[in-house]
Amino acid sequence: MSDYKVKYQLHFHTFNKTVVEKLEIANGTTFFDGEMNRSVYSEKDACDYVRSTHKTGDIEQLFKVPQEIYDSEYGEVGATSLKILRCWIG
C-alpha cells in the first residue's frame, strides 16, 4: 500500500507567518488521538493523525518550522493554527 500525502497550512500567530507544506505519512502509522490508539489506513486517518499531532503540541516532530522562529527573541513556536488543504494517496 502507498503512503498518504497531506498538504497543510500552518499559521504561527506570534510571528504572523503562514507556511504551506506537504508531508508523507506511512500506511500503518500508529497514533493516539486523545481517546484511543489508532492507525493510518485511509486518507481520513492520515488527516486525523496530522490534526492529533498538532493538537498535542508535537509540532516540531511533524511540521516544518522555519529557523527564523527559533532565532527570534521568543525562541519557541508559540500559538499555531492548522488547516488541512488536501490529502491523497501517493
Protein backbone atom coordinates (compact mmCIF):
# COMPACT_ATOMS: atom_id res chain seq x y z
CA MET A 1 0.00 0.00 0.00
CA SER A 2 1.17 3.53 -0.71
CA ASP A 3 1.87 6.33 1.71
CA TYR A 4 -0.55 9.18 2.27
CA LYS A 5 0.34 12.75 1.41
CA VAL A 6 -1.14 15.68 3.30
CA LYS A 7 -0.84 19.29 2.21
CA TYR A 8 -1.30 21.63 5.14
CA GLN A 9 -1.19 25.29 6.10
CA LEU A 10 0.32 26.14 9.48
CA HIS A 11 -0.05 29.69 10.80
CA PHE A 12 2.28 30.94 13.54
CA HIS A 13 0.26 33.60 15.38
CA THR A 14 3.13 35.13 17.36
CA PHE A 15 5.03 35.82 14.14
CA ASN A 16 2.06 36.34 11.80
CA LYS A 17 3.67 33.87 9.40
CA THR A 18 1.99 31.12 7.38
CA VAL A 19 3.74 28.05 5.98
CA VAL A 20 2.25 25.74 3.35
CA GLU A 21 3.97 22.35 3.09
CA LYS A 22 3.37 18.69 2.24
CA LEU A 23 4.25 15.66 4.31
CA GLU A 24 4.13 11.91 3.84
CA ILE A 25 2.57 9.53 6.33
CA ALA A 26 3.33 5.84 6.05
CA ASN A 27 0.45 3.41 5.81
CA GLY A 28 0.00 1.73 9.21
CA THR A 29 1.46 4.59 11.28
CA THR A 30 0.01 4.41 14.78
CA PHE A 31 -1.00 7.38 16.94
CA PHE A 32 -3.05 8.29 19.99
CA ASP A 33 -5.95 10.63 19.19
CA GLY A 34 -6.64 11.65 22.79
CA GLU A 35 -9.16 8.87 23.38
CA MET A 36 -7.72 5.71 21.83
CA ASN A 37 -4.86 4.27 19.79
CA ARG A 38 -5.41 4.41 16.05
CA SER A 39 -3.60 3.54 12.83
CA VAL A 40 -3.43 5.25 9.45
CA TYR A 41 -5.18 3.12 6.81
CA SER A 42 -7.14 5.78 4.89
CA GLU A 43 -6.98 9.42 3.83
CA LYS A 44 -9.26 10.36 6.74
CA ASP A 45 -6.93 8.59 9.18
CA ALA A 46 -3.96 10.50 7.73
CA CYS A 47 -5.74 13.82 8.26
CA ASP A 48 -6.73 12.78 11.80
CA TYR A 49 -3.09 11.88 12.51
CA VAL A 50 -1.92 15.34 11.42
CA ARG A 51 -4.65 17.08 13.46
CA SER A 52 -3.93 14.95 16.51
CA THR A 53 -0.19 15.65 16.36
CA HIS A 54 -0.91 19.39 16.10
CA LYS A 55 -3.40 19.24 18.97
CA THR A 56 -0.95 17.51 21.33
CA GLY A 57 1.67 20.19 20.64
CA ASP A 58 4.22 17.95 18.91
CA ILE A 59 4.61 20.49 16.14
CA GLU A 60 8.38 20.14 15.72
CA GLN A 61 8.00 16.36 15.37
CA LEU A 62 5.82 16.55 12.27
CA PHE A 63 5.76 20.02 10.75
CA LYS A 64 8.50 22.11 9.16
CA VAL A 65 9.15 25.09 11.44
CA PRO A 66 11.16 27.93 9.86
CA GLN A 67 14.57 28.51 11.51
CA GLU A 68 13.79 32.21 11.86
CA ILE A 69 11.19 31.32 14.50
CA TYR A 70 13.82 29.62 16.66
CA ASP A 71 16.22 32.51 16.03
CA SER A 72 13.66 35.13 17.12
CA GLU A 73 13.52 36.80 20.52
CA TYR A 74 10.80 34.33 21.57
CA GLY A 75 12.82 31.24 20.71
CA GLU A 76 9.78 28.98 20.56
CA VAL A 77 6.89 28.21 18.26
CA GLY A 78 4.02 29.70 20.29
CA ALA A 79 0.37 29.53 19.22
CA THR A 80 -0.45 27.97 15.86
CA SER A 81 -3.48 27.19 13.71
CA LEU A 82 -3.63 24.22 11.35
CA LYS A 83 -5.64 23.88 8.16
CA ILE A 84 -5.59 20.70 6.08
CA LEU A 85 -5.67 21.73 2.43
CA ARG A 86 -5.62 18.32 0.74
CA CYS A 87 -5.00 14.64 1.44
CA TRP A 88 -4.33 11.92 -1.13
CA ILE A 89 -2.70 8.54 -1.69
CA GLY A 90 0.74 8.97 -3.19
